[in-house]
Amino acid sequence: MTTEKSPLIGITMGIGPDGSRNGRDFLSYSTAVRNGGGEAVSLGHGRHGRFDECDGLLLSGGCDVHPKHVKRLPGDEELTDDEVMAKYKIKTEKMRDEVEMRMARQALKQGKPVLGICRGFQVLGVALGCTLIGDITTFKPNTLVHYAVNGISSRHEIKIEPGSLMERVYNSTSIVINSRHHQGFTPELISDKLQVTAIAPDGIVEAAEMPGYNFVVGVQWHPEKQSDEFINSISVPLFRAFVDASAQWRRSQ
């Protein structure tokens, strides 16, 4: 009897030591994947060619999405990319954006499962036609604190859509999540290709999924972050569902 190999999940990574194969960020994401039953490979700088080997794509967190990829918000139509970056305090890795947009679109074309986390949700959203808010506080004052303070995650409650994948994996319609981002979406900026499945009290979208696909999901929080045990400990079913969908995709090929 042959034992089926674990699905291989490709994880996007930024430039720098934390994104290396032995770096803190890759180890955090790859541990979450292994806890869900999969194996992980880095798709960071110089390793993009391994995408074709992968059964699923995890778009990880990191720096901001460059405005060249994003439709302009109302009132910003005449601004240059540099002016948008200055207005919203945007910091980018341009090469990473180019590669990850291409991989996201290729995964969607092939039907591969995709999980976008924080920035990864934003990359997925932009690839599907969503309009990204460059900085939540600038665009929508008086919102919750969604960014980390002194390196410590903010936290807040979210409401989850009944009947959604999010409800199934978290077994609840309300959870408290960690928060470490300053860009994001509101429901009216989400493409009609995605369904909003979780939202914060201030109206910021916290999760979305793509109807009709095996598994295309974006979450704005960091379920992989082990130091935020309150969310990491209840997120294993999310990674398990992603890995299971990746195994199903591989068997279908």
Foldseek 3Di string as FASTA:
>chain_A
DDDDAFFEEEEEAEDDQLRDCPHVVNVLVQVLLVLLPHGYDYCYPPNVVCLVVGLAYEYEDDFAAQCVLADDDVPCNPPDSVRLCVLLVGDDDHVSLVSLLVSLVVCVVLLRAYEYEANGLVSNQSSQPFGKASFCCSVPNPDDPQAADPNHWDKAKKAFAPPDPVCVLLVDRMDMFTGHHGMFDAVVRGDPQWDQTMAGPRRTGAKIFGPPGLHYIYGNGDLSDVVPVRRVVSCSSVSNSSSVSSVVSVVVD
